[in-house]
Amino acid sequence: MEIRAKRFKELTTQELYNVLQLRSEVFVVEQDCVYQDLDGKDQKAIHIIGKKMDKVVAYTRIFKPWDYFETAAIGRVVVKEEERKHKYGHTIMLASINYLEEEWGVDKITLSAQTYLLRFYENLGFEKKGNEYLEDGIPHIKMVRTKS
């Protein structure tokens, strides 16, 4: 999988379409969750895009401190269902963490994790903070990773 980081204005129309299609495929159809994906935050984000044979198979969006949370943040973590066996979720998360820590020098990253993925994020160094809450009808928990 080839990974690229792009600002919103650097995305081609086709890349944007493919990213939004993948997010809809997983978050709306697969997870059966009706929610407003186009939340006005994509323009502030850096888009971490994983492609395989020119198809978007993994994706996250990352934010500088105060653009989403008070710390840097990772969101919209998604991997195409048939590609999950390749551990692309882990790969795209490591690329996102590396970008935040190396390019921006951040030492703290926050995310809102779907609760069933708690162990996945813990294996990447995130720790749960606070209590579980519902976000778009799905149980989530705030998680934070502090660079050691």
C-alpha atoms as a PDB file:
ATOM      1  CA  MET A   1       0.000   0.000   0.000  1.00  0.00           C
ATOM      2  CA  GLU A   2       1.291   3.440  -0.954  1.00  0.00           C
ATOM      3  CA  ILE A   3       0.527   6.231   1.538  1.00  0.00           C
ATOM      4  CA  ARG A   4       0.356   9.942   0.761  1.00  0.00           C
ATOM      5  CA  ALA A   5      -0.475  12.964   2.905  1.00  0.00           C
ATOM      6  CA  LYS A   6      -2.390  15.784   1.212  1.00  0.00           C
ATOM      7  CA  ARG A   7      -4.041  19.035   2.185  1.00  0.00           C
ATOM      8  CA  PHE A   8      -7.665  19.405   1.102  1.00  0.00           C
ATOM      9  CA  LYS A   9      -6.815  21.738  -1.786  1.00  0.00           C
ATOM     10  CA  GLU A  10      -4.233  19.212  -3.066  1.00  0.00           C
ATOM     11  CA  LEU A  11      -6.790  16.415  -3.445  1.00  0.00           C
ATOM     12  CA  THR A  12      -7.891  15.728  -6.988  1.00  0.00           C
ATOM     13  CA  THR A  13     -11.615  15.522  -7.603  1.00  0.00           C
ATOM     14  CA  GLN A  14     -11.248  11.759  -8.117  1.00  0.00           C
ATOM     15  CA  GLU A  15      -9.292  11.303  -4.849  1.00  0.00           C
ATOM     16  CA  LEU A  16     -11.902  13.262  -2.911  1.00  0.00           C
ATOM     17  CA  TYR A  17     -14.677  11.201  -4.493  1.00  0.00           C
ATOM     18  CA  ASN A  18     -12.854   7.938  -3.649  1.00  0.00           C
ATOM     19  CA  VAL A  19     -12.242   8.993  -0.035  1.00  0.00           C
ATOM     20  CA  LEU A  20     -15.858  10.031   0.484  1.00  0.00           C
ATOM     21  CA  GLN A  21     -17.040   6.824  -1.188  1.00  0.00           C
ATOM     22  CA  LEU A  22     -14.919   4.683   1.180  1.00  0.00           C
ATOM     23  CA  ARG A  23     -16.093   6.623   4.235  1.00  0.00           C
ATOM     24  CA  SER A  24     -19.722   6.200   3.143  1.00  0.00           C
ATOM     25  CA  GLU A  25     -19.221   2.515   2.303  1.00  0.00           C
ATOM     26  CA  VAL A  26     -17.918   1.734   5.800  1.00  0.00           C
ATOM     27  CA  PHE A  27     -19.470   4.272   8.167  1.00  0.00           C
ATOM     28  CA  VAL A  28     -22.926   4.570   6.589  1.00  0.00           C
ATOM     29  CA  VAL A  29     -23.578   1.256   4.792  1.00  0.00           C
ATOM     30  CA  GLU A  30     -21.467  -1.345   6.646  1.00  0.00           C
ATOM     31  CA  GLN A  31     -22.037   0.151  10.114  1.00  0.00           C
ATOM     32  CA  ASP A  32     -25.626   1.092   9.309  1.00  0.00           C
ATOM     33  CA  CYS A  33     -25.176   4.593  10.722  1.00  0.00           C
ATOM     34  CA  VAL A  34     -26.935   7.593   9.267  1.00  0.00           C
ATOM     35  CA  TYR A  35     -24.850  10.657  10.101  1.00  0.00           C
ATOM     36  CA  GLN A  36     -23.496  13.844   8.529  1.00  0.00           C
ATOM     37  CA  ASP A  37     -20.058  12.822   7.222  1.00  0.00           C
ATOM     38  CA  LEU A  38     -19.475  16.140   5.468  1.00  0.00           C
ATOM     39  CA  ASP A  39     -18.909  18.105   8.672  1.00  0.00           C
ATOM     40  CA  GLY A  40     -16.900  21.085   7.408  1.00  0.00           C
ATOM     41  CA  LYS A  41     -13.681  19.755   8.950  1.00  0.00           C
ATOM     42  CA  ASP A  42     -12.133  18.190   5.837  1.00  0.00           C
ATOM     43  CA  GLN A  43     -10.860  21.580   4.678  1.00  0.00           C
ATOM     44  CA  LYS A  44      -8.694  21.947   7.827  1.00  0.00           C
ATOM     45  CA  ALA A  45      -7.422  18.362   7.804  1.00  0.00           C
ATOM     46  CA  ILE A  46      -4.419  16.660   6.314  1.00  0.00           C
ATOM     47  CA  HIS A  47      -5.695  13.584   4.495  1.00  0.00           C
ATOM     48  CA  ILE A  48      -3.637  10.413   4.893  1.00  0.00           C
ATOM     49  CA  ILE A  49      -4.573   8.211   1.948  1.00  0.00           C
ATOM     50  CA  GLY A  50      -3.555   4.598   1.447  1.00  0.00           C
ATOM     51  CA  LYS A  51      -3.808   3.348  -2.124  1.00  0.00           C
ATOM     52  CA  LYS A  52      -3.375  -0.085  -3.602  1.00  0.00           C
ATOM     53  CA  MET A  53      -3.374  -0.390  -7.380  1.00  0.00           C
ATOM     54  CA  ASP A  54      -4.581   3.231  -7.535  1.00  0.00           C
ATOM     55  CA  LYS A  55      -7.660   2.474  -5.377  1.00  0.00           C
ATOM     56  CA  VAL A  56      -8.184   4.083  -1.959  1.00  0.00           C
ATOM     57  CA  VAL A  57      -8.173   1.223   0.564  1.00  0.00           C
ATOM     58  CA  ALA A  58      -7.288   3.036   3.813  1.00  0.00           C
ATOM     59  CA  TYR A  59      -7.675   6.565   5.091  1.00  0.00           C
ATOM     60  CA  THR A  60      -7.470   8.912   8.070  1.00  0.00           C
ATOM     61  CA  ARG A  61      -7.680  12.634   8.487  1.00  0.00           C
ATOM     62  CA  ILE A  62      -5.434  14.425  10.948  1.00  0.00           C
ATOM     63  CA  PHE A  63      -5.621  17.812  12.615  1.00  0.00           C
ATOM     64  CA  LYS A  64      -3.264  20.278  14.246  1.00  0.00           C
ATOM     65  CA  PRO A  65      -3.948  21.200  17.866  1.00  0.00           C
ATOM     66  CA  TRP A  66      -7.102  23.333  18.263  1.00  0.00           C
ATOM     67  CA  ASP A  67      -8.433  22.454  14.788  1.00  0.00           C
ATOM     68  CA  TYR A  68     -10.546  19.644  16.305  1.00  0.00           C
ATOM     69  CA  PHE A  69      -9.478  19.023  19.920  1.00  0.00           C
ATOM     70  CA  GLU A  70      -7.066  20.975  22.094  1.00  0.00           C
ATOM     71  CA  THR A  71      -4.403  18.462  21.018  1.00  0.00           C
ATOM     72  CA  ALA A  72      -3.552  17.081  17.603  1.00  0.00           C
ATOM     73  CA  ALA A  73      -6.187  14.583  16.455  1.00  0.00           C
ATOM     74  CA  ILE A  74      -6.815  11.628  14.178  1.00  0.00           C
ATOM     75  CA  GLY A  75     -10.272  10.871  12.820  1.00  0.00           C
ATOM     76  CA  ARG A  76     -12.289   9.032  10.180  1.00  0.00           C
ATOM     77  CA  VAL A  77     -10.004   5.984  10.427  1.00  0.00           C
ATOM     78  CA  VAL A  78     -11.279   3.614   7.770  1.00  0.00           C
ATOM     79  CA  VAL A  79     -10.119   0.563   5.814  1.00  0.00           C
ATOM     80  CA  LYS A  80     -11.973  -1.136   2.971  1.00  0.00           C
ATOM     81  CA  GLU A  81     -13.521  -4.320   4.365  1.00  0.00           C
ATOM     82  CA  GLU A  82     -11.786  -6.774   2.021  1.00  0.00           C
ATOM     83  CA  GLU A  83      -8.382  -5.177   2.738  1.00  0.00           C
ATOM     84  CA  ARG A  84      -8.469  -5.406   6.560  1.00  0.00           C
ATOM     85  CA  LYS A  85      -6.759  -8.799   6.534  1.00  0.00           C
ATOM     86  CA  HIS A  86      -3.576  -6.979   5.432  1.00  0.00           C
ATOM     87  CA  LYS A  87      -3.476  -4.904   8.664  1.00  0.00           C
ATOM     88  CA  TYR A  88      -3.795  -1.661   6.710  1.00  0.00           C
ATOM     89  CA  GLY A  89      -5.539  -0.063   9.694  1.00  0.00           C
ATOM     90  CA  HIS A  90      -2.339  -0.431  11.686  1.00  0.00           C
ATOM     91  CA  THR A  91      -0.257   0.820   8.753  1.00  0.00           C
ATOM     92  CA  ILE A  92      -2.374   3.924   8.093  1.00  0.00           C
ATOM     93  CA  MET A  93      -2.493   4.754  11.824  1.00  0.00           C
ATOM     94  CA  LEU A  94       1.305   4.519  12.132  1.00  0.00           C
ATOM     95  CA  ALA A  95       1.667   6.822   9.111  1.00  0.00           C
ATOM     96  CA  SER A  96      -0.765   9.289  10.709  1.00  0.00           C
ATOM     97  CA  ILE A  97       1.000   9.191  14.091  1.00  0.00           C
ATOM     98  CA  ASN A  98       4.380   9.592  12.398  1.00  0.00           C
ATOM     99  CA  TYR A  99       3.175  12.613  10.413  1.00  0.00           C
ATOM    100  CA  LEU A 100       1.851  14.303  13.538  1.00  0.00           C
ATOM    101  CA  GLU A 101       4.945  13.581  15.636  1.00  0.00           C
ATOM    102  CA  GLU A 102       7.633  14.078  13.001  1.00  0.00           C
ATOM    103  CA  GLU A 103       6.195  16.772  10.711  1.00  0.00           C
ATOM    104  CA  TRP A 104       4.389  18.843  13.324  1.00  0.00           C
ATOM    105  CA  GLY A 105       6.340  17.860  16.444  1.00  0.00           C
ATOM    106  CA  VAL A 106       3.240  17.079  18.497  1.00  0.00           C
ATOM    107  CA  ASP A 107       3.566  15.011  21.640  1.00  0.00           C
ATOM    108  CA  LYS A 108      -0.115  14.354  22.340  1.00  0.00           C
ATOM    109  CA  ILE A 109      -2.768  12.940  19.982  1.00  0.00           C
ATOM    110  CA  THR A 110      -6.488  12.550  20.715  1.00  0.00           C
ATOM    111  CA  LEU A 111      -9.100  10.458  18.959  1.00  0.00           C
ATOM    112  CA  SER A 112     -12.690   9.420  19.478  1.00  0.00           C
ATOM    113  CA  ALA A 113     -12.577   5.627  19.158  1.00  0.00           C
ATOM    114  CA  GLN A 114     -15.423   3.273  18.490  1.00  0.00           C
ATOM    115  CA  THR A 115     -15.433   1.245  21.698  1.00  0.00           C
ATOM    116  CA  TYR A 116     -15.145  -2.129  19.957  1.00  0.00           C
ATOM    117  CA  LEU A 117     -11.758  -0.964  18.604  1.00  0.00           C
ATOM    118  CA  LEU A 118     -10.350  -0.152  22.053  1.00  0.00           C
ATOM    119  CA  ARG A 119      -7.678  -2.874  21.967  1.00  0.00           C
ATOM    120  CA  PHE A 120      -6.598  -1.847  18.428  1.00  0.00           C
ATOM    121  CA  TYR A 121      -5.890   1.709  19.583  1.00  0.00           C
ATOM    122  CA  GLU A 122      -4.317   0.577  22.863  1.00  0.00           C
ATOM    123  CA  ASN A 123      -1.833  -1.471  20.812  1.00  0.00           C
ATOM    124  CA  LEU A 124      -0.862   1.805  19.101  1.00  0.00           C
ATOM    125  CA  GLY A 125      -0.138   3.486  22.443  1.00  0.00           C
ATOM    126  CA  PHE A 126      -3.484   5.204  23.060  1.00  0.00           C
ATOM    127  CA  GLU A 127      -5.059   5.201  26.524  1.00  0.00           C
ATOM    128  CA  LYS A 128      -8.751   5.633  27.252  1.00  0.00           C
ATOM    129  CA  LYS A 129      -9.816   8.817  28.989  1.00  0.00           C
ATOM    130  CA  GLY A 130     -13.203   9.276  30.619  1.00  0.00           C
ATOM    131  CA  ASN A 131     -16.378   7.339  30.119  1.00  0.00           C
ATOM    132  CA  GLU A 132     -17.973   5.777  27.087  1.00  0.00           C
ATOM    133  CA  TYR A 133     -20.419   7.996  25.162  1.00  0.00           C
ATOM    134  CA  LEU A 134     -22.637   7.734  22.109  1.00  0.00           C
ATOM    135  CA  GLU A 135     -21.544   9.438  18.911  1.00  0.00           C
ATOM    136  CA  ASP A 136     -24.007   9.074  16.041  1.00  0.00           C
ATOM    137  CA  GLY A 137     -25.610   6.190  17.953  1.00  0.00           C
ATOM    138  CA  ILE A 138     -22.349   4.197  18.211  1.00  0.00           C
ATOM    139  CA  PRO A 139     -20.478   3.726  21.529  1.00  0.00           C
ATOM    140  CA  HIS A 140     -17.205   5.696  21.551  1.00  0.00           C
ATOM    141  CA  ILE A 141     -14.490   6.564  24.026  1.00  0.00           C
ATOM    142  CA  LYS A 142     -11.945   9.378  24.057  1.00  0.00           C
ATOM    143  CA  MET A 143      -8.382   8.096  23.748  1.00  0.00           C
ATOM    144  CA  VAL A 144      -5.061   9.915  24.038  1.00  0.00           C
ATOM    145  CA  ARG A 145      -1.539   8.968  23.018  1.00  0.00           C
ATOM    146  CA  THR A 146       1.383  10.794  24.617  1.00  0.00           C
ATOM    147  CA  LYS A 147       4.761  10.558  22.937  1.00  0.00           C
ATOM    148  CA  SER A 148       7.288   8.921  25.259  1.00  0.00           C
END
